[in-house]
Amino acid sequence: MSLIWTLIVGGVIGAVAGAITSRDLPAGWIGNIIAGLVGSWIGQSLLGSWGPIVGGMAIVPAIIGAVILVIVVSWIFSKQKA
């Protein structure tokens, strides 16, 4: 059950990051989950674990990390299309 909860929280964090940046992630909801999980790792590595923790992820640093990840990924994909 813990893995499922972590994937759900990761998906929500990725969706929130996509909504904040107004950019779509590739791969739909799988992209949201990946962005949430990787963004959580980035955010907690850079900012530490503070604020509310849900599903093993500190929410505020996770969202900040996911926003950074979404911006970088969308920038890379926009460069490939040009």
PDB file of N, CA and C in Angstrom:
ATOM      1  N   MET A   1       0.813  -1.200   0.000  1.00  0.00           N
ATOM      2  CA  MET A   1       0.000   0.000   0.000  1.00  0.00           C
ATOM      3  C   MET A   1       0.856   1.262   0.000  1.00  0.00           C
ATOM      4  N   SER A   2       2.026   1.168   0.604  1.00  0.00           N
ATOM      5  CA  SER A   2       2.898   2.337   0.690  1.00  0.00           C
ATOM      6  C   SER A   2       3.381   2.780  -0.691  1.00  0.00           C
ATOM      7  N   LEU A   3       3.710   1.828  -1.554  1.00  0.00           N
ATOM      8  CA  LEU A   3       4.165   2.168  -2.907  1.00  0.00           C
ATOM      9  C   LEU A   3       3.051   2.843  -3.701  1.00  0.00           C
ATOM     10  N   ILE A   4       1.847   2.337  -3.579  1.00  0.00           N
ATOM     11  CA  ILE A   4       0.714   2.942  -4.290  1.00  0.00           C
ATOM     12  C   ILE A   4       0.490   4.366  -3.804  1.00  0.00           C
ATOM     13  N   TRP A   5       0.557   4.570  -2.486  1.00  0.00           N
ATOM     14  CA  TRP A   5       0.372   5.907  -1.920  1.00  0.00           C
ATOM     15  C   TRP A   5       1.451   6.859  -2.435  1.00  0.00           C
ATOM     16  N   THR A   6       2.693   6.401  -2.483  1.00  0.00           N
ATOM     17  CA  THR A   6       3.799   7.221  -2.979  1.00  0.00           C
ATOM     18  C   THR A   6       3.583   7.594  -4.444  1.00  0.00           C
ATOM     19  N   LEU A   7       3.120   6.643  -5.260  1.00  0.00           N
ATOM     20  CA  LEU A   7       2.861   6.932  -6.680  1.00  0.00           C
ATOM     21  C   LEU A   7       1.719   7.934  -6.839  1.00  0.00           C
ATOM     22  N   ILE A   8       0.682   7.814  -6.018  1.00  0.00           N
ATOM     23  CA  ILE A   8      -0.432   8.763  -6.083  1.00  0.00           C
ATOM     24  C   ILE A   8       0.036  10.160  -5.706  1.00  0.00           C
ATOM     25  N   VAL A   9       0.780  10.271  -4.614  1.00  0.00           N
ATOM     26  CA  VAL A   9       1.283  11.579  -4.182  1.00  0.00           C
ATOM     27  C   VAL A   9       2.232  12.147  -5.235  1.00  0.00           C
ATOM     28  N   GLY A  10       3.093  11.311  -5.821  1.00  0.00           N
ATOM     29  CA  GLY A  10       3.988  11.756  -6.888  1.00  0.00           C
ATOM     30  C   GLY A  10       3.220  12.277  -8.088  1.00  0.00           C
ATOM     31  N   GLY A  11       2.140  11.590  -8.460  1.00  0.00           N
ATOM     32  CA  GLY A  11       1.308  12.043  -9.576  1.00  0.00           C
ATOM     33  C   GLY A  11       0.653  13.385  -9.297  1.00  0.00           C
ATOM     34  N   VAL A  12       0.177  13.569  -8.071  1.00  0.00           N
ATOM     35  CA  VAL A  12      -0.451  14.841  -7.703  1.00  0.00           C
ATOM     36  C   VAL A  12       0.581  15.959  -7.713  1.00  0.00           C
ATOM     37  N   ILE A  13       1.767  15.696  -7.178  1.00  0.00           N
ATOM     38  CA  ILE A  13       2.830  16.712  -7.176  1.00  0.00           C
ATOM     39  C   ILE A  13       3.213  17.077  -8.606  1.00  0.00           C
ATOM     40  N   GLY A  14       3.346  16.096  -9.488  1.00  0.00           N
ATOM     41  CA  GLY A  14       3.661  16.366 -10.895  1.00  0.00           C
ATOM     42  C   GLY A  14       2.566  17.163 -11.578  1.00  0.00           C
ATOM     43  N   ALA A  15       1.297  16.849 -11.273  1.00  0.00           N
ATOM     44  CA  ALA A  15       0.177  17.593 -11.861  1.00  0.00           C
ATOM     45  C   ALA A  15       0.154  19.030 -11.358  1.00  0.00           C
ATOM     46  N   VAL A  16       0.439  19.226 -10.077  1.00  0.00           N
ATOM     47  CA  VAL A  16       0.488  20.583  -9.518  1.00  0.00           C
ATOM     48  C   VAL A  16       1.621  21.375 -10.170  1.00  0.00           C
ATOM     49  N   ALA A  17       2.776  20.748 -10.346  1.00  0.00           N
ATOM     50  CA  ALA A  17       3.907  21.427 -10.995  1.00  0.00           C
ATOM     51  C   ALA A  17       3.560  21.804 -12.430  1.00  0.00           C
ATOM     52  N   GLY A  18       2.878  20.914 -13.144  1.00  0.00           N
ATOM     53  CA  GLY A  18       2.458  21.224 -14.516  1.00  0.00           C
ATOM     54  C   GLY A  18       1.460  22.369 -14.540  1.00  0.00           C
ATOM     55  N   ALA A  19       0.557  22.411 -13.554  1.00  0.00           N
ATOM     56  CA  ALA A  19      -0.427  23.497 -13.492  1.00  0.00           C
ATOM     57  C   ALA A  19       0.231  24.825 -13.136  1.00  0.00           C
ATOM     58  N   ILE A  20       1.208  24.796 -12.237  1.00  0.00           N
ATOM     59  CA  ILE A  20       1.904  26.032 -11.849  1.00  0.00           C
ATOM     60  C   ILE A  20       2.662  26.612 -13.032  1.00  0.00           C
ATOM     61  N   THR A  21       3.311  25.756 -13.807  1.00  0.00           N
ATOM     62  CA  THR A  21       4.122  26.230 -14.925  1.00  0.00           C
ATOM     63  C   THR A  21       3.315  26.390 -16.209  1.00  0.00           C
ATOM     64  N   SER A  22       2.078  25.916 -16.228  1.00  0.00           N
ATOM     65  CA  SER A  22       1.210  25.944 -17.420  1.00  0.00           C
ATOM     66  C   SER A  22       1.850  25.220 -18.601  1.00  0.00           C
ATOM     67  N   ARG A  23       2.527  24.132 -18.313  1.00  0.00           N
ATOM     68  CA  ARG A  23       3.179  23.341 -19.365  1.00  0.00           C
ATOM     69  C   ARG A  23       2.762  21.890 -19.225  1.00  0.00           C
ATOM     70  N   ASP A  24       2.553  21.238 -20.351  1.00  0.00           N
ATOM     71  CA  ASP A  24       2.177  19.829 -20.347  1.00  0.00           C
ATOM     72  C   ASP A  24       3.434  18.962 -20.324  1.00  0.00           C
ATOM     73  N   LEU A  25       3.361  17.892 -19.557  1.00  0.00           N
ATOM     74  CA  LEU A  25       4.461  16.944 -19.517  1.00  0.00           C
ATOM     75  C   LEU A  25       4.238  15.856 -20.551  1.00  0.00           C
ATOM     76  N   PRO A  26       5.314  15.353 -21.147  1.00  0.00           N
ATOM     77  CA  PRO A  26       5.137  14.223 -22.051  1.00  0.00           C
ATOM     78  C   PRO A  26       4.703  12.986 -21.258  1.00  0.00           C
ATOM     79  N   ALA A  27       4.001  12.073 -21.885  1.00  0.00           N
ATOM     80  CA  ALA A  27       3.574  10.787 -21.328  1.00  0.00           C
ATOM     81  C   ALA A  27       2.399  10.901 -20.368  1.00  0.00           C
ATOM     82  N   GLY A  28       1.696  12.012 -20.325  1.00  0.00           N
ATOM     83  CA  GLY A  28       0.466  12.134 -19.549  1.00  0.00           C
ATOM     84  C   GLY A  28       0.647  11.909 -18.063  1.00  0.00           C
ATOM     85  N   TRP A  29      -0.201  11.057 -17.490  1.00  0.00           N
ATOM     86  CA  TRP A  29      -0.158  10.850 -16.048  1.00  0.00           C
ATOM     87  C   TRP A  29       1.092  10.103 -15.611  1.00  0.00           C
ATOM     88  N   ILE A  30       1.674   9.287 -16.479  1.00  0.00           N
ATOM     89  CA  ILE A  30       2.943   8.631 -16.137  1.00  0.00           C
ATOM     90  C   ILE A  30       4.043   9.686 -16.019  1.00  0.00           C
ATOM     91  N   GLY A  31       4.013  10.669 -16.907  1.00  0.00           N
ATOM     92  CA  GLY A  31       4.949  11.788 -16.819  1.00  0.00           C
ATOM     93  C   GLY A  31       4.763  12.577 -15.542  1.00  0.00           C
ATOM     94  N   ASN A  32       3.499  12.746 -15.109  1.00  0.00           N
ATOM     95  CA  ASN A  32       3.234  13.436 -13.851  1.00  0.00           C
ATOM     96  C   ASN A  32       3.827  12.680 -12.662  1.00  0.00           C
ATOM     97  N   ILE A  33       3.653  11.372 -12.664  1.00  0.00           N
ATOM     98  CA  ILE A  33       4.201  10.565 -11.568  1.00  0.00           C
ATOM     99  C   ILE A  33       5.722  10.659 -11.547  1.00  0.00           C
ATOM    100  N   ILE A  34       6.336  10.515 -12.717  1.00  0.00           N
ATOM    101  CA  ILE A  34       7.803  10.590 -12.798  1.00  0.00           C
ATOM    102  C   ILE A  34       8.287  11.973 -12.367  1.00  0.00           C
ATOM    103  N   ALA A  35       7.618  13.029 -12.854  1.00  0.00           N
ATOM    104  CA  ALA A  35       8.009  14.389 -12.471  1.00  0.00           C
ATOM    105  C   ALA A  35       7.846  14.598 -10.975  1.00  0.00           C
ATOM    106  N   GLY A  36       6.788  14.050 -10.395  1.00  0.00           N
ATOM    107  CA  GLY A  36       6.579  14.186  -8.961  1.00  0.00           C
ATOM    108  C   GLY A  36       7.636  13.465  -8.148  1.00  0.00           C
ATOM    109  N   LEU A  37       7.972  12.247  -8.554  1.00  0.00           N
ATOM    110  CA  LEU A  37       8.968  11.471  -7.809  1.00  0.00           C
ATOM    111  C   LEU A  37      10.374  12.054  -7.965  1.00  0.00           C
ATOM    112  N   VAL A  38      10.756  12.347  -9.205  1.00  0.00           N
ATOM    113  CA  VAL A  38      12.093  12.911  -9.444  1.00  0.00           C
ATOM    114  C   VAL A  38      12.170  14.331  -8.876  1.00  0.00           C
ATOM    115  N   GLY A  39      11.095  15.097  -9.050  1.00  0.00           N
ATOM    116  CA  GLY A  39      11.053  16.454  -8.494  1.00  0.00           C
ATOM    117  C   GLY A  39      11.140  16.447  -6.987  1.00  0.00           C
ATOM    118  N   SER A  40      10.519  15.465  -6.347  1.00  0.00           N
ATOM    119  CA  SER A  40      10.610  15.333  -4.901  1.00  0.00           C
ATOM    120  C   SER A  40      12.054  15.080  -4.482  1.00  0.00           C
ATOM    121  N   TRP A  41      12.721  14.217  -5.202  1.00  0.00           N
ATOM    122  CA  TRP A  41      14.121  13.935  -4.892  1.00  0.00           C
ATOM    123  C   TRP A  41      14.988  15.184  -5.080  1.00  0.00           C
ATOM    124  N   ILE A  42      14.773  15.899  -6.182  1.00  0.00           N
ATOM    125  CA  ILE A  42      15.537  17.125  -6.450  1.00  0.00           C
ATOM    126  C   ILE A  42      15.267  18.158  -5.368  1.00  0.00           C
ATOM    127  N   GLY A  43      13.987  18.400  -5.080  1.00  0.00           N
ATOM    128  CA  GLY A  43      13.629  19.406  -4.094  1.00  0.00           C
ATOM    129  C   GLY A  43      14.159  19.101  -2.708  1.00  0.00           C
ATOM    130  N   GLN A  44      14.051  17.847  -2.288  1.00  0.00           N
ATOM    131  CA  GLN A  44      14.538  17.484  -0.965  1.00  0.00           C
ATOM    132  C   GLN A  44      16.057  17.468  -0.906  1.00  0.00           C
ATOM    133  N   SER A  45      16.716  17.184  -2.020  1.00  0.00           N
ATOM    134  CA  SER A  45      18.181  17.236  -2.056  1.00  0.00           C
ATOM    135  C   SER A  45      18.676  18.671  -1.938  1.00  0.00           C
ATOM    136  N   LEU A  46      17.983  19.592  -2.627  1.00  0.00           N
ATOM    137  CA  LEU A  46      18.406  20.993  -2.614  1.00  0.00           C
ATOM    138  C   LEU A  46      17.935  21.747  -1.371  1.00  0.00           C
ATOM    139  N   LEU A  47      16.710  21.463  -0.923  1.00  0.00           N
ATOM    140  CA  LEU A  47      16.092  22.271   0.128  1.00  0.00           C
ATOM    141  C   LEU A  47      15.904  21.542   1.446  1.00  0.00           C
ATOM    142  N   GLY A  48      16.114  20.251   1.483  1.00  0.00           N
ATOM    143  CA  GLY A  48      15.906  19.484   2.709  1.00  0.00           C
ATOM    144  C   GLY A  48      14.456  19.057   2.856  1.00  0.00           C
ATOM    145  N   SER A  49      14.182  18.362   3.940  1.00  0.00           N
ATOM    146  CA  SER A  49      12.827  17.878   4.213  1.00  0.00           C
ATOM    147  C   SER A  49      12.179  18.738   5.283  1.00  0.00           C
ATOM    148  N   TRP A  50      11.358  19.653   4.863  1.00  0.00           N
ATOM    149  CA  TRP A  50      10.637  20.513   5.806  1.00  0.00           C
ATOM    150  C   TRP A  50       9.212  20.686   5.314  1.00  0.00           C
ATOM    151  N   GLY A  51       8.354  21.087   6.179  1.00  0.00           N
ATOM    152  CA  GLY A  51       6.948  21.236   5.831  1.00  0.00           C
ATOM    153  C   GLY A  51       6.226  19.912   5.977  1.00  0.00           C
ATOM    154  N   PRO A  52       4.979  19.876   5.551  1.00  0.00           N
ATOM    155  CA  PRO A  52       4.201  18.639   5.688  1.00  0.00           C
ATOM    156  C   PRO A  52       4.779  17.512   4.834  1.00  0.00           C
ATOM    157  N   ILE A  53       4.763  16.305   5.390  1.00  0.00           N
ATOM    158  CA  ILE A  53       5.284  15.133   4.691  1.00  0.00           C
ATOM    159  C   ILE A  53       4.126  14.171   4.430  1.00  0.00           C
ATOM    160  N   VAL A  54       3.910  13.836   3.170  1.00  0.00           N
ATOM    161  CA  VAL A  54       2.858  12.903   2.762  1.00  0.00           C
ATOM    162  C   VAL A  54       3.485  11.871   1.833  1.00  0.00           C
ATOM    163  N   GLY A  55       3.235  10.613   2.087  1.00  0.00           N
ATOM    164  CA  GLY A  55       3.769   9.556   1.233  1.00  0.00           C
ATOM    165  C   GLY A  55       5.279   9.531   1.203  1.00  0.00           C
ATOM    166  N   GLY A  56       5.924   9.967   2.278  1.00  0.00           N
ATOM    167  CA  GLY A  56       7.377   9.982   2.352  1.00  0.00           C
ATOM    168  C   GLY A  56       8.024  11.160   1.641  1.00  0.00           C
ATOM    169  N   MET A  57       7.203  12.123   1.178  1.00  0.00           N
ATOM    170  CA  MET A  57       7.730  13.282   0.462  1.00  0.00           C
ATOM    171  C   MET A  57       7.355  14.564   1.196  1.00  0.00           C
ATOM    172  N   ALA A  58       8.338  15.432   1.399  1.00  0.00           N
ATOM    173  CA  ALA A  58       8.059  16.757   1.945  1.00  0.00           C
ATOM    174  C   ALA A  58       7.413  17.576   0.825  1.00  0.00           C
ATOM    175  N   ILE A  59       6.180  17.990   1.025  1.00  0.00           N
ATOM    176  CA  ILE A  59       5.353  18.532  -0.058  1.00  0.00           C
ATOM    177  C   ILE A  59       5.936  19.803  -0.671  1.00  0.00           C
ATOM    178  N   VAL A  60       6.314  20.784   0.139  1.00  0.00           N
ATOM    179  CA  VAL A  60       6.768  22.075  -0.416  1.00  0.00           C
ATOM    180  C   VAL A  60       8.064  21.916  -1.220  1.00  0.00           C
ATOM    181  N   PRO A  61       9.116  21.295  -0.665  1.00  0.00           N
ATOM    182  CA  PRO A  61      10.317  21.095  -1.492  1.00  0.00           C
ATOM    183  C   PRO A  61      10.056  20.213  -2.711  1.00  0.00           C
ATOM    184  N   ALA A  62       9.150  19.245  -2.589  1.00  0.00           N
ATOM    185  CA  ALA A  62       8.837  18.361  -3.712  1.00  0.00           C
ATOM    186  C   ALA A  62       8.192  19.144  -4.846  1.00  0.00           C
ATOM    187  N   ILE A  63       7.268  20.034  -4.521  1.00  0.00           N
ATOM    188  CA  ILE A  63       6.618  20.836  -5.563  1.00  0.00           C
ATOM    189  C   ILE A  63       7.620  21.774  -6.216  1.00  0.00           C
ATOM    190  N   ILE A  64       8.475  22.385  -5.417  1.00  0.00           N
ATOM    191  CA  ILE A  64       9.500  23.285  -5.978  1.00  0.00           C
ATOM    192  C   ILE A  64      10.437  22.499  -6.909  1.00  0.00           C
ATOM    193  N   GLY A  65      10.876  21.317  -6.476  1.00  0.00           N
ATOM    194  CA  GLY A  65      11.737  20.479  -7.313  1.00  0.00           C
ATOM    195  C   GLY A  65      11.039  20.034  -8.579  1.00  0.00           C
ATOM    196  N   ALA A  66       9.757  19.689  -8.482  1.00  0.00           N
ATOM    197  CA  ALA A  66       9.003  19.260  -9.658  1.00  0.00           C
ATOM    198  C   ALA A  66       8.800  20.412 -10.637  1.00  0.00           C
ATOM    199  N   VAL A  67       8.582  21.619 -10.119  1.00  0.00           N
ATOM    200  CA  VAL A  67       8.463  22.794 -10.996  1.00  0.00           C
ATOM    201  C   VAL A  67       9.764  23.005 -11.753  1.00  0.00           C
ATOM    202  N   ILE A  68      10.883  22.903 -11.063  1.00  0.00           N
ATOM    203  CA  ILE A  68      12.191  23.042 -11.718  1.00  0.00           C
ATOM    204  C   ILE A  68      12.336  21.979 -12.810  1.00  0.00           C
ATOM    205  N   LEU A  69      11.973  20.745 -12.482  1.00  0.00           N
ATOM    206  CA  LEU A  69      12.080  19.650 -13.445  1.00  0.00           C
ATOM    207  C   LEU A  69      11.184  19.874 -14.658  1.00  0.00           C
ATOM    208  N   VAL A  70       9.950  20.300 -14.448  1.00  0.00           N
ATOM    209  CA  VAL A  70       9.021  20.537 -15.559  1.00  0.00           C
ATOM    210  C   VAL A  70       9.557  21.631 -16.475  1.00  0.00           C
ATOM    211  N   ILE A  71      10.094  22.695 -15.904  1.00  0.00           N
ATOM    212  CA  ILE A  71      10.646  23.784 -16.711  1.00  0.00           C
ATOM    213  C   ILE A  71      11.828  23.292 -17.544  1.00  0.00           C
ATOM    214  N   VAL A  72      12.717  22.535 -16.934  1.00  0.00           N
ATOM    215  CA  VAL A  72      13.891  22.034 -17.657  1.00  0.00           C
ATOM    216  C   VAL A  72      13.476  21.058 -18.763  1.00  0.00           C
ATOM    217  N   VAL A  73      12.573  20.124 -18.450  1.00  0.00           N
ATOM    218  CA  VAL A  73      12.147  19.136 -19.446  1.00  0.00           C
ATOM    219  C   VAL A  73      11.416  19.813 -20.597  1.00  0.00           C
ATOM    220  N   SER A  74      10.529  20.757 -20.298  1.00  0.00           N
ATOM    221  CA  SER A  74       9.802  21.431 -21.380  1.00  0.00           C
ATOM    222  C   SER A  74      10.754  22.286 -22.217  1.00  0.00           C
ATOM    223  N   TRP A  75      11.797  22.848 -21.613  1.00  0.00           N
ATOM    224  CA  TRP A  75      12.782  23.622 -22.363  1.00  0.00           C
ATOM    225  C   TRP A  75      13.557  22.694 -23.308  1.00  0.00           C
ATOM    226  N   ILE A  76      13.943  21.516 -22.807  1.00  0.00           N
ATOM    227  CA  ILE A  76      14.678  20.559 -23.641  1.00  0.00           C
ATOM    228  C   ILE A  76      13.826  20.101 -24.818  1.00  0.00           C
ATOM    229  N   PHE A  77      12.541  19.790 -24.563  1.00  0.00           N
ATOM    230  CA  PHE A  77      11.672  19.338 -25.646  1.00  0.00           C
ATOM    231  C   PHE A  77      11.386  20.455 -26.643  1.00  0.00           C
ATOM    232  N   SER A  78      11.324  21.700 -26.187  1.00  0.00           N
ATOM    233  CA  SER A  78      11.099  22.797 -27.121  1.00  0.00           C
ATOM    234  C   SER A  78      12.327  23.030 -28.003  1.00  0.00           C
ATOM    235  N   LYS A  79      13.505  22.780 -27.477  1.00  0.00           N
ATOM    236  CA  LYS A  79      14.735  22.906 -28.271  1.00  0.00           C
ATOM    237  C   LYS A  79      14.815  21.812 -29.336  1.00  0.00           C
ATOM    238  N   GLN A  80      14.313  20.615 -29.015  1.00  0.00           N
ATOM    239  CA  GLN A  80      14.349  19.520 -29.987  1.00  0.00           C
ATOM    240  C   GLN A  80      13.389  19.747 -31.139  1.00  0.00           C
ATOM    241  N   LYS A  81      12.277  20.436 -30.893  1.00  0.00           N
ATOM    242  CA  LYS A  81      11.311  20.701 -31.953  1.00  0.00           C
ATOM    243  C   LYS A  81      11.766  21.784 -32.897  1.00  0.00           C
ATOM    244  N   ALA A  82      12.650  22.671 -32.422  1.00  0.00           N
ATOM    245  CA  ALA A  82      13.086  23.809 -33.252  1.00  0.00           C
ATOM    246  C   ALA A  82      14.104  23.420 -34.271  1.00  0.00           C
TER     247      ALA A  82
END
